Amino acid sequence: MTTIKTPFTARSTAAEVLAGIDLTGKHILITGGGSGLGRAAADALRDAGADVITPARKELDLADLDSVRAYTDAWTGTVDAVIANAGIMAVPERRTAANGWELQLATNFLGHFALVKGLQPHFAPEARVVLVSSGAQLRAGVDLDDPHFEKRAYDPWVAYSQSKTAVVLLAVAIGRHLDGVTANAMAPGSIHTNLQRHIDQATMQALGAMDDDGNLIHPDGFKTPEQGAAAEVLLAASPLLAGVTGRYFDEDNQEAAVVPGGPEPMMGVAEWSVDPTTADRLWALAEEAVKAH
C-alpha cells in the first residue's frame, strides 16, 4: 500500500487546501462546527460552495444515543461527507453516558458511530467520513476487556487516548463494513480550542500553553484553527483523497507512518490504532450497544 503524499504542510490552511475546488451542491455535516476547528472547516467549505450543516448540541448530543437516533431519523436529503469533529478531553473523574459507556468513549467514538450508521441510507455515492483523532492515540490502545474503567483505575488521559484510538479504528472499520463509503482519520495538532476546558492550569503550564498568570500562550508548533482544519477539509473534499480509506494523517497533513504505540513516539499512528481485527471487534461492540439502547 503506497503512502500518500500531499503538497501541503503543517502550516497550510483549510482555505489553501480547498483553493480551486468547487463544492457547489455538496452537503457536508460537521459535528462541533460552532467553534474552533469545526468552525474553521465549516467556513472554508462554505467559501468553496458547499452546503455545510453544523448542528448545535441541543439538536445533536453525541453522548445520548436517543438524541443521535432522533437526529438521523429526521434527516432528509443526501450527505456527501461527515466530519466527526466534536469531542471531549481529559474529563477529570470517571463519568458515564446514560448507556453506561465511559463518557469520552461514548462521545468521541460511539456517538459518531451511531451518527454514521444512522445516516448511511442518505449517503451520496462516494461519500466520505472524516474522524478527528489525536496524537494521543499513540499512548493507549482500546482495552476491549474493560473499556469503561469498571475494573481498572480511571485515568483521564488514558481514557482520552483510548477514545482517540477508537476513532482511528472506526475509520478502518467503516471502509470494511459500509459499502461505497470511505473514511479516514487525522490529527489536527496543538491548537487552543474549547477542547481544553477540563485541563487544569498546572497541566496547561506544563504543556507550555499557559503562563504563570493563567493567560494562554502559543508556543512554537501550535497552530491556528484554520491550520488545524486543513486536514479535515483535505479528507472531506479534496480530489487527492478520492477512493482512499482507512488511513491516518498526521498534523503535517501527510499520511502517517505506522509505529509501535507507547510513551516514546511523538509522530505516526500506533499499530493498535489501525489493527483490522481490533477494528472489527470494536465495530461489533458498538453495533451491540446501539441495538440494545
C-alpha atoms as a PDB file:
ATOM      1  CA  MET A   1       0.000   0.000   0.000  1.00  0.00           C
ATOM      2  CA  THR A   2       1.603   3.257  -1.154  1.00  0.00           C
ATOM      3  CA  THR A   3       1.913   6.015   1.428  1.00  0.00           C
ATOM      4  CA  ILE A   4       0.009   9.106   0.326  1.00  0.00           C
ATOM      5  CA  LYS A   5       1.929  12.350  -0.053  1.00  0.00           C
ATOM      6  CA  THR A   6       0.192  15.700  -0.349  1.00  0.00           C
ATOM      7  CA  PRO A   7       1.536  19.116  -1.399  1.00  0.00           C
ATOM      8  CA  PHE A   8       0.566  20.612   1.958  1.00  0.00           C
ATOM      9  CA  THR A   9       2.477  21.266   5.181  1.00  0.00           C
ATOM     10  CA  ALA A  10       1.666  21.692   8.854  1.00  0.00           C
ATOM     11  CA  ARG A  11       1.183  25.418   8.197  1.00  0.00           C
ATOM     12  CA  SER A  12      -1.272  25.043   5.316  1.00  0.00           C
ATOM     13  CA  THR A  13      -4.752  26.390   5.985  1.00  0.00           C
ATOM     14  CA  ALA A  14      -8.120  24.917   5.140  1.00  0.00           C
ATOM     15  CA  ALA A  15      -8.657  27.633   2.532  1.00  0.00           C
ATOM     16  CA  GLU A  16      -5.354  26.757   0.861  1.00  0.00           C
ATOM     17  CA  VAL A  17      -6.275  23.076   0.723  1.00  0.00           C
ATOM     18  CA  LEU A  18      -9.582  23.917  -0.977  1.00  0.00           C
ATOM     19  CA  ALA A  19      -8.197  26.519  -3.400  1.00  0.00           C
ATOM     20  CA  GLY A  20      -9.682  25.917  -6.858  1.00  0.00           C
ATOM     21  CA  ILE A  21     -12.121  23.229  -5.670  1.00  0.00           C
ATOM     22  CA  ASP A  22     -15.822  23.841  -6.380  1.00  0.00           C
ATOM     23  CA  LEU A  23     -18.075  22.156  -3.818  1.00  0.00           C
ATOM     24  CA  THR A  24     -21.344  23.577  -5.077  1.00  0.00           C
ATOM     25  CA  GLY A  25     -24.138  21.083  -4.438  1.00  0.00           C
ATOM     26  CA  LYS A  26     -22.211  19.127  -1.799  1.00  0.00           C
ATOM     27  CA  HIS A  27     -23.828  18.601   1.613  1.00  0.00           C
ATOM     28  CA  ILE A  28     -21.360  18.280   4.492  1.00  0.00           C
ATOM     29  CA  LEU A  29     -22.233  17.687   8.151  1.00  0.00           C
ATOM     30  CA  ILE A  30     -19.753  18.814  10.823  1.00  0.00           C
ATOM     31  CA  THR A  31     -20.205  17.961  14.494  1.00  0.00           C
ATOM     32  CA  GLY A  32     -18.818  20.595  16.822  1.00  0.00           C
ATOM     33  CA  GLY A  33     -18.912  23.062  13.959  1.00  0.00           C
ATOM     34  CA  GLY A  34     -19.832  26.097  16.023  1.00  0.00           C
ATOM     35  CA  SER A  35     -16.335  26.948  17.246  1.00  0.00           C
ATOM     36  CA  GLY A  36     -12.662  26.101  16.948  1.00  0.00           C
ATOM     37  CA  LEU A  37     -11.561  23.645  14.284  1.00  0.00           C
ATOM     38  CA  GLY A  38     -15.087  22.776  13.254  1.00  0.00           C
ATOM     39  CA  ARG A  39     -15.989  26.387  12.611  1.00  0.00           C
ATOM     40  CA  ALA A  40     -12.775  26.976  10.644  1.00  0.00           C
ATOM     41  CA  ALA A  41     -13.510  23.910   8.493  1.00  0.00           C
ATOM     42  CA  ALA A  42     -17.129  24.984   8.012  1.00  0.00           C
ATOM     43  CA  ASP A  43     -16.110  28.486   6.904  1.00  0.00           C
ATOM     44  CA  ALA A  44     -13.624  27.157   4.354  1.00  0.00           C
ATOM     45  CA  LEU A  45     -16.071  24.589   2.975  1.00  0.00           C
ATOM     46  CA  ARG A  46     -18.831  27.187   2.645  1.00  0.00           C
ATOM     47  CA  ASP A  47     -16.434  29.524   0.853  1.00  0.00           C
ATOM     48  CA  ALA A  48     -15.816  26.665  -1.620  1.00  0.00           C
ATOM     49  CA  GLY A  49     -19.556  26.402  -2.285  1.00  0.00           C
ATOM     50  CA  ALA A  50     -20.639  23.560  -0.001  1.00  0.00           C
ATOM     51  CA  ASP A  51     -23.852  23.443   1.977  1.00  0.00           C
ATOM     52  CA  VAL A  52     -22.496  22.910   5.499  1.00  0.00           C
ATOM     53  CA  ILE A  53     -24.661  21.727   8.404  1.00  0.00           C
ATOM     54  CA  THR A  54     -23.350  22.335  11.936  1.00  0.00           C
ATOM     55  CA  PRO A  55     -25.931  21.098  14.463  1.00  0.00           C
ATOM     56  CA  ALA A  56     -25.812  22.549  17.959  1.00  0.00           C
ATOM     57  CA  ARG A  57     -25.600  20.205  20.935  1.00  0.00           C
ATOM     58  CA  LYS A  58     -29.282  20.812  21.745  1.00  0.00           C
ATOM     59  CA  GLU A  59     -30.054  19.275  18.328  1.00  0.00           C
ATOM     60  CA  LEU A  60     -27.452  16.515  18.432  1.00  0.00           C
ATOM     61  CA  ASP A  61     -25.959  15.282  21.700  1.00  0.00           C
ATOM     62  CA  LEU A  62     -23.387  12.640  20.800  1.00  0.00           C
ATOM     63  CA  ALA A  63     -23.344  11.218  24.331  1.00  0.00           C
ATOM     64  CA  ASP A  64     -27.069  10.463  24.079  1.00  0.00           C
ATOM     65  CA  LEU A  65     -27.973   7.698  21.632  1.00  0.00           C
ATOM     66  CA  ASP A  66     -31.640   8.751  21.700  1.00  0.00           C
ATOM     67  CA  SER A  67     -30.584  12.212  20.534  1.00  0.00           C
ATOM     68  CA  VAL A  68     -28.444  10.770  17.751  1.00  0.00           C
ATOM     69  CA  ARG A  69     -31.256   8.479  16.599  1.00  0.00           C
ATOM     70  CA  ALA A  70     -33.789  11.312  16.594  1.00  0.00           C
ATOM     71  CA  TYR A  71     -31.423  13.455  14.556  1.00  0.00           C
ATOM     72  CA  THR A  72     -30.701  10.829  11.920  1.00  0.00           C
ATOM     73  CA  ASP A  73     -34.346   9.723  11.739  1.00  0.00           C
ATOM     74  CA  ALA A  74     -35.308  13.313  10.909  1.00  0.00           C
ATOM     75  CA  TRP A  75     -32.656  13.710   8.211  1.00  0.00           C
ATOM     76  CA  THR A  76     -33.776  14.370   4.646  1.00  0.00           C
ATOM     77  CA  GLY A  77     -31.658  14.722   1.541  1.00  0.00           C
ATOM     78  CA  THR A  78     -28.185  13.415   0.860  1.00  0.00           C
ATOM     79  CA  VAL A  79     -24.880  13.563   2.714  1.00  0.00           C
ATOM     80  CA  ASP A  80     -21.605  13.862   0.820  1.00  0.00           C
ATOM     81  CA  ALA A  81     -19.356  13.985   3.875  1.00  0.00           C
ATOM     82  CA  VAL A  82     -19.465  13.792   7.659  1.00  0.00           C
ATOM     83  CA  ILE A  83     -16.686  15.420   9.663  1.00  0.00           C
ATOM     84  CA  ALA A  84     -16.703  13.922  13.163  1.00  0.00           C
ATOM     85  CA  ASN A  85     -15.080  16.921  14.806  1.00  0.00           C
ATOM     86  CA  ALA A  86     -16.854  17.219  18.176  1.00  0.00           C
ATOM     87  CA  GLY A  87     -15.265  15.700  21.236  1.00  0.00           C
ATOM     88  CA  ILE A  88     -14.334  15.978  24.896  1.00  0.00           C
ATOM     89  CA  MET A  89     -10.931  15.573  26.505  1.00  0.00           C
ATOM     90  CA  ALA A  90      -9.494  14.548  29.855  1.00  0.00           C
ATOM     91  CA  VAL A  91     -12.701  14.547  31.895  1.00  0.00           C
ATOM     92  CA  PRO A  92     -11.249  14.708  35.447  1.00  0.00           C
ATOM     93  CA  GLU A  93     -13.374  12.000  37.053  1.00  0.00           C
ATOM     94  CA  ARG A  94     -14.950   8.857  35.657  1.00  0.00           C
ATOM     95  CA  ARG A  95     -18.321   9.704  34.183  1.00  0.00           C
ATOM     96  CA  THR A  96     -20.636   7.611  32.060  1.00  0.00           C
ATOM     97  CA  ALA A  97     -23.276   8.247  29.441  1.00  0.00           C
ATOM     98  CA  ALA A  98     -26.830   7.025  30.026  1.00  0.00           C
ATOM     99  CA  ASN A  99     -25.997   3.651  28.472  1.00  0.00           C
ATOM    100  CA  GLY A 100     -23.079   3.062  30.860  1.00  0.00           C
ATOM    101  CA  TRP A 101     -20.253   3.795  28.441  1.00  0.00           C
ATOM    102  CA  GLU A 102     -17.334   5.875  29.734  1.00  0.00           C
ATOM    103  CA  LEU A 103     -18.158   9.409  28.676  1.00  0.00           C
ATOM    104  CA  GLN A 104     -15.153  10.122  26.437  1.00  0.00           C
ATOM    105  CA  LEU A 105     -15.529   6.826  24.576  1.00  0.00           C
ATOM    106  CA  ALA A 106     -19.280   7.381  24.336  1.00  0.00           C
ATOM    107  CA  THR A 107     -18.934  10.896  22.952  1.00  0.00           C
ATOM    108  CA  ASN A 108     -15.840  10.740  20.785  1.00  0.00           C
ATOM    109  CA  PHE A 109     -16.425   7.266  19.347  1.00  0.00           C
ATOM    110  CA  LEU A 110     -19.861   5.720  19.932  1.00  0.00           C
ATOM    111  CA  GLY A 111     -21.896   8.850  19.182  1.00  0.00           C
ATOM    112  CA  HIS A 112     -20.133   9.284  15.872  1.00  0.00           C
ATOM    113  CA  PHE A 113     -20.528   5.579  15.084  1.00  0.00           C
ATOM    114  CA  ALA A 114     -24.279   5.891  15.655  1.00  0.00           C
ATOM    115  CA  LEU A 115     -24.428   9.076  13.581  1.00  0.00           C
ATOM    116  CA  VAL A 116     -22.684   7.484  10.606  1.00  0.00           C
ATOM    117  CA  LYS A 117     -24.793   4.327  10.820  1.00  0.00           C
ATOM    118  CA  GLY A 118     -27.980   6.349  11.080  1.00  0.00           C
ATOM    119  CA  LEU A 119     -27.096   8.493   8.094  1.00  0.00           C
ATOM    120  CA  GLN A 120     -25.993   5.540   5.969  1.00  0.00           C
ATOM    121  CA  PRO A 121     -29.216   5.441   3.893  1.00  0.00           C
ATOM    122  CA  HIS A 122     -28.652   9.076   2.953  1.00  0.00           C
ATOM    123  CA  PHE A 123     -25.008   8.866   1.874  1.00  0.00           C
ATOM    124  CA  ALA A 124     -24.298  10.033  -1.651  1.00  0.00           C
ATOM    125  CA  PRO A 125     -22.155   7.824  -3.895  1.00  0.00           C
ATOM    126  CA  GLU A 126     -18.518   8.014  -2.793  1.00  0.00           C
ATOM    127  CA  ALA A 127     -19.455   9.676   0.496  1.00  0.00           C
ATOM    128  CA  ARG A 128     -16.649  10.385   2.928  1.00  0.00           C
ATOM    129  CA  VAL A 129     -16.302  10.282   6.707  1.00  0.00           C
ATOM    130  CA  VAL A 130     -13.558  12.224   8.482  1.00  0.00           C
ATOM    131  CA  LEU A 131     -12.676  11.200  12.037  1.00  0.00           C
ATOM    132  CA  VAL A 132     -10.793  13.734  14.142  1.00  0.00           C
ATOM    133  CA  SER A 133      -8.318  11.865  16.307  1.00  0.00           C
ATOM    134  CA  SER A 134      -5.154  12.994  18.099  1.00  0.00           C
ATOM    135  CA  GLY A 135      -1.553  12.117  18.711  1.00  0.00           C
ATOM    136  CA  ALA A 136      -2.907  10.758  21.996  1.00  0.00           C
ATOM    137  CA  GLN A 137      -3.798   7.568  20.100  1.00  0.00           C
ATOM    138  CA  LEU A 138      -0.107   6.706  20.394  1.00  0.00           C
ATOM    139  CA  ARG A 139      -0.401   6.450  24.192  1.00  0.00           C
ATOM    140  CA  ALA A 140      -3.091   3.809  24.751  1.00  0.00           C
ATOM    141  CA  GLY A 141      -4.972   1.189  22.803  1.00  0.00           C
ATOM    142  CA  VAL A 142      -8.588   0.202  23.354  1.00  0.00           C
ATOM    143  CA  ASP A 143      -8.999  -2.142  26.311  1.00  0.00           C
ATOM    144  CA  LEU A 144     -11.829  -4.302  25.000  1.00  0.00           C
ATOM    145  CA  ASP A 145     -11.924  -6.248  28.284  1.00  0.00           C
ATOM    146  CA  ASP A 146     -12.553  -3.096  30.348  1.00  0.00           C
ATOM    147  CA  PRO A 147     -13.309  -0.161  28.027  1.00  0.00           C
ATOM    148  CA  HIS A 148     -15.337   1.742  30.633  1.00  0.00           C
ATOM    149  CA  PHE A 149     -12.867   1.565  33.545  1.00  0.00           C
ATOM    150  CA  GLU A 150     -15.127  -0.613  35.658  1.00  0.00           C
ATOM    151  CA  LYS A 151     -12.188  -2.733  36.853  1.00  0.00           C
ATOM    152  CA  ARG A 152      -9.072  -0.630  36.292  1.00  0.00           C
ATOM    153  CA  ALA A 153      -8.407   2.734  37.919  1.00  0.00           C
ATOM    154  CA  TYR A 154      -9.755   5.633  35.901  1.00  0.00           C
ATOM    155  CA  ASP A 155      -7.167   7.939  34.345  1.00  0.00           C
ATOM    156  CA  PRO A 156      -8.488  10.914  32.346  1.00  0.00           C
ATOM    157  CA  TRP A 157      -5.623  10.852  29.852  1.00  0.00           C
ATOM    158  CA  VAL A 158      -5.714   7.095  29.319  1.00  0.00           C
ATOM    159  CA  ALA A 159      -9.467   7.370  28.756  1.00  0.00           C
ATOM    160  CA  TYR A 160      -8.960  10.198  26.271  1.00  0.00           C
ATOM    161  CA  SER A 161      -6.202   8.305  24.464  1.00  0.00           C
ATOM    162  CA  GLN A 162      -8.353   5.191  24.280  1.00  0.00           C
ATOM    163  CA  SER A 163     -11.219   7.183  22.770  1.00  0.00           C
ATOM    164  CA  LYS A 164      -8.956   8.698  20.123  1.00  0.00           C
ATOM    165  CA  THR A 165      -7.559   5.284  19.242  1.00  0.00           C
ATOM    166  CA  ALA A 166     -11.154   4.090  18.882  1.00  0.00           C
ATOM    167  CA  VAL A 167     -11.787   6.958  16.458  1.00  0.00           C
ATOM    168  CA  VAL A 168      -8.962   5.773  14.172  1.00  0.00           C
ATOM    169  CA  LEU A 169     -10.231   2.201  14.418  1.00  0.00           C
ATOM    170  CA  LEU A 170     -13.642   3.484  13.320  1.00  0.00           C
ATOM    171  CA  ALA A 171     -12.041   4.874  10.163  1.00  0.00           C
ATOM    172  CA  VAL A 172     -10.563   1.440   9.495  1.00  0.00           C
ATOM    173  CA  ALA A 173     -13.867  -0.324  10.191  1.00  0.00           C
ATOM    174  CA  ILE A 174     -16.087   1.928   8.072  1.00  0.00           C
ATOM    175  CA  GLY A 175     -14.162   1.030   4.955  1.00  0.00           C
ATOM    176  CA  ARG A 176     -14.612  -2.640   5.831  1.00  0.00           C
ATOM    177  CA  HIS A 177     -18.301  -2.579   6.749  1.00  0.00           C
ATOM    178  CA  LEU A 178     -20.049   0.200   4.782  1.00  0.00           C
ATOM    179  CA  ASP A 179     -20.083  -0.195   1.017  1.00  0.00           C
ATOM    180  CA  GLY A 180     -19.493   2.941  -1.000  1.00  0.00           C
ATOM    181  CA  VAL A 181     -18.231   4.988   1.950  1.00  0.00           C
ATOM    182  CA  THR A 182     -14.619   5.916   2.605  1.00  0.00           C
ATOM    183  CA  ALA A 183     -13.302   7.019   5.990  1.00  0.00           C
ATOM    184  CA  ASN A 184     -10.007   8.405   7.208  1.00  0.00           C
ATOM    185  CA  ALA A 185      -8.735   9.818  10.488  1.00  0.00           C
ATOM    186  CA  MET A 186      -6.472  12.757  11.223  1.00  0.00           C
ATOM    187  CA  ALA A 187      -4.672  14.631  13.990  1.00  0.00           C
ATOM    188  CA  PRO A 188      -5.014  18.413  13.816  1.00  0.00           C
ATOM    189  CA  GLY A 189      -2.036  19.230  16.035  1.00  0.00           C
ATOM    190  CA  SER A 190      -1.872  21.514  19.058  1.00  0.00           C
ATOM    191  CA  ILE A 191      -4.439  24.325  18.965  1.00  0.00           C
ATOM    192  CA  HIS A 192      -6.212  26.384  21.597  1.00  0.00           C
ATOM    193  CA  THR A 193      -9.910  25.406  21.467  1.00  0.00           C
ATOM    194  CA  ASN A 194     -12.753  24.649  23.872  1.00  0.00           C
ATOM    195  CA  LEU A 195     -11.482  21.060  23.957  1.00  0.00           C
ATOM    196  CA  GLN A 196      -9.069  22.059  26.734  1.00  0.00           C
ATOM    197  CA  ARG A 197     -11.814  23.189  29.115  1.00  0.00           C
ATOM    198  CA  HIS A 198     -11.260  20.269  31.522  1.00  0.00           C
ATOM    199  CA  ILE A 199      -7.473  20.731  31.747  1.00  0.00           C
ATOM    200  CA  ASP A 200      -6.207  22.424  34.921  1.00  0.00           C
ATOM    201  CA  GLN A 201      -3.817  25.375  34.929  1.00  0.00           C
ATOM    202  CA  ALA A 202      -0.820  23.336  36.115  1.00  0.00           C
ATOM    203  CA  THR A 203      -1.164  20.919  33.210  1.00  0.00           C
ATOM    204  CA  MET A 204      -1.600  23.746  30.706  1.00  0.00           C
ATOM    205  CA  GLN A 205       1.556  25.361  32.075  1.00  0.00           C
ATOM    206  CA  ALA A 206       3.442  22.061  31.838  1.00  0.00           C
ATOM    207  CA  LEU A 207       2.392  21.875  28.192  1.00  0.00           C
ATOM    208  CA  GLY A 208       3.801  25.351  27.632  1.00  0.00           C
ATOM    209  CA  ALA A 209       0.371  26.644  26.698  1.00  0.00           C
ATOM    210  CA  MET A 210      -0.279  28.980  29.645  1.00  0.00           C
ATOM    211  CA  ASP A 211       1.819  31.489  31.567  1.00  0.00           C
ATOM    212  CA  ASP A 212       2.063  31.872  35.339  1.00  0.00           C
ATOM    213  CA  ASP A 213      -0.821  34.352  35.340  1.00  0.00           C
ATOM    214  CA  GLY A 214      -3.210  31.965  33.602  1.00  0.00           C
ATOM    215  CA  ASN A 215      -3.000  33.583  30.167  1.00  0.00           C
ATOM    216  CA  LEU A 216      -2.980  31.373  27.083  1.00  0.00           C
ATOM    217  CA  ILE A 217       0.236  31.466  25.086  1.00  0.00           C
ATOM    218  CA  HIS A 218       1.149  29.994  21.732  1.00  0.00           C
ATOM    219  CA  PRO A 219       4.443  28.085  21.878  1.00  0.00           C
ATOM    220  CA  ASP A 220       6.286  27.067  18.737  1.00  0.00           C
ATOM    221  CA  GLY A 221       4.396  24.309  16.988  1.00  0.00           C
ATOM    222  CA  PHE A 222       0.920  25.475  17.967  1.00  0.00           C
ATOM    223  CA  LYS A 223      -1.454  26.028  15.061  1.00  0.00           C
ATOM    224  CA  THR A 224      -4.310  28.374  14.323  1.00  0.00           C
ATOM    225  CA  PRO A 225      -7.769  26.809  13.962  1.00  0.00           C
ATOM    226  CA  GLU A 226      -7.546  27.487  10.205  1.00  0.00           C
ATOM    227  CA  GLN A 227      -4.326  25.460  10.031  1.00  0.00           C
ATOM    228  CA  GLY A 228      -5.694  22.696  12.239  1.00  0.00           C
ATOM    229  CA  ALA A 229      -8.758  22.378  10.000  1.00  0.00           C
ATOM    230  CA  ALA A 230      -6.660  21.812   6.882  1.00  0.00           C
ATOM    231  CA  ALA A 231      -6.616  18.033   7.219  1.00  0.00           C
ATOM    232  CA  GLU A 232     -10.352  17.969   7.983  1.00  0.00           C
ATOM    233  CA  VAL A 233     -11.208  19.547   4.636  1.00  0.00           C
ATOM    234  CA  LEU A 234      -8.437  17.642   2.848  1.00  0.00           C
ATOM    235  CA  LEU A 235     -10.018  14.340   3.828  1.00  0.00           C
ATOM    236  CA  ALA A 236     -13.586  15.571   3.344  1.00  0.00           C
ATOM    237  CA  ALA A 237     -13.344  17.222  -0.060  1.00  0.00           C
ATOM    238  CA  SER A 238     -10.005  17.094  -1.843  1.00  0.00           C
ATOM    239  CA  PRO A 239      -9.798  15.046  -5.071  1.00  0.00           C
ATOM    240  CA  LEU A 240      -6.400  13.861  -3.807  1.00  0.00           C
ATOM    241  CA  LEU A 241      -8.183  11.557  -1.351  1.00  0.00           C
ATOM    242  CA  ALA A 242     -10.837  10.156  -3.694  1.00  0.00           C
ATOM    243  CA  GLY A 243     -11.312   6.449  -3.013  1.00  0.00           C
ATOM    244  CA  VAL A 244      -8.820   6.407  -0.132  1.00  0.00           C
ATOM    245  CA  THR A 245      -9.991   4.761   3.098  1.00  0.00           C
ATOM    246  CA  GLY A 246      -8.709   3.530   6.443  1.00  0.00           C
ATOM    247  CA  ARG A 247      -5.719   5.895   6.613  1.00  0.00           C
ATOM    248  CA  TYR A 248      -4.460   8.298   9.295  1.00  0.00           C
ATOM    249  CA  PHE A 249      -2.989  11.714   8.538  1.00  0.00           C
ATOM    250  CA  ASP A 250      -0.655  13.455  10.962  1.00  0.00           C
ATOM    251  CA  GLU A 251      -0.555  17.132  11.868  1.00  0.00           C
ATOM    252  CA  ASP A 252       1.710  17.792   8.875  1.00  0.00           C
ATOM    253  CA  ASN A 253      -1.169  16.871   6.502  1.00  0.00           C
ATOM    254  CA  GLN A 254       0.620  13.724   5.331  1.00  0.00           C
ATOM    255  CA  GLU A 255      -0.286  10.091   5.805  1.00  0.00           C
ATOM    256  CA  ALA A 256       1.439   8.909   8.961  1.00  0.00           C
ATOM    257  CA  ALA A 257       3.834   6.012   9.341  1.00  0.00           C
ATOM    258  CA  VAL A 258       2.665   3.056  11.416  1.00  0.00           C
ATOM    259  CA  VAL A 259       4.751   2.801  14.605  1.00  0.00           C
ATOM    260  CA  PRO A 260       4.627   0.834  17.864  1.00  0.00           C
ATOM    261  CA  GLY A 261       2.440   2.587  20.417  1.00  0.00           C
ATOM    262  CA  GLY A 262       3.853   3.727  23.722  1.00  0.00           C
ATOM    263  CA  PRO A 263       5.326   6.714  25.542  1.00  0.00           C
ATOM    264  CA  GLU A 264       8.216   7.356  23.160  1.00  0.00           C
ATOM    265  CA  PRO A 265       6.879   8.081  19.650  1.00  0.00           C
ATOM    266  CA  MET A 266       5.664  11.631  19.058  1.00  0.00           C
ATOM    267  CA  MET A 267       4.504  11.190  15.461  1.00  0.00           C
ATOM    268  CA  GLY A 268       2.837   8.437  13.493  1.00  0.00           C
ATOM    269  CA  VAL A 269      -0.107   6.137  14.057  1.00  0.00           C
ATOM    270  CA  ALA A 270       0.111   3.283  16.550  1.00  0.00           C
ATOM    271  CA  GLU A 271      -0.152  -0.274  15.288  1.00  0.00           C
ATOM    272  CA  TRP A 272      -3.070  -0.821  17.677  1.00  0.00           C
ATOM    273  CA  SER A 273      -4.935   2.118  16.120  1.00  0.00           C
ATOM    274  CA  VAL A 274      -5.090   0.570  12.646  1.00  0.00           C
ATOM    275  CA  ASP A 275      -5.376  -3.124  13.514  1.00  0.00           C
ATOM    276  CA  PRO A 276      -8.272  -4.529  11.433  1.00  0.00           C
ATOM    277  CA  THR A 277      -9.088  -7.297  13.912  1.00  0.00           C
ATOM    278  CA  THR A 278      -9.484  -4.801  16.744  1.00  0.00           C
ATOM    279  CA  ALA A 279     -11.449  -2.504  14.435  1.00  0.00           C
ATOM    280  CA  ASP A 280     -13.913  -5.310  13.671  1.00  0.00           C
ATOM    281  CA  ARG A 281     -14.297  -6.210  17.359  1.00  0.00           C
ATOM    282  CA  LEU A 282     -14.917  -2.597  18.298  1.00  0.00           C
ATOM    283  CA  TRP A 283     -17.433  -2.235  15.466  1.00  0.00           C
ATOM    284  CA  ALA A 284     -19.339  -5.266  16.778  1.00  0.00           C
ATOM    285  CA  LEU A 285     -19.280  -3.835  20.316  1.00  0.00           C
ATOM    286  CA  ALA A 286     -20.678  -0.534  19.050  1.00  0.00           C
ATOM    287  CA  GLU A 287     -23.378  -2.243  16.995  1.00  0.00           C
ATOM    288  CA  GLU A 288     -24.481  -4.167  20.058  1.00  0.00           C
ATOM    289  CA  ALA A 289     -24.603  -1.002  22.159  1.00  0.00           C
ATOM    290  CA  VAL A 290     -26.703   0.866  19.599  1.00  0.00           C
ATOM    291  CA  LYS A 291     -29.110  -2.043  19.095  1.00  0.00           C
ATOM    292  CA  ALA A 292     -29.503  -2.553  22.849  1.00  0.00           C
ATOM    293  CA  HIS A 293     -30.386   1.052  23.522  1.00  0.00           C
END
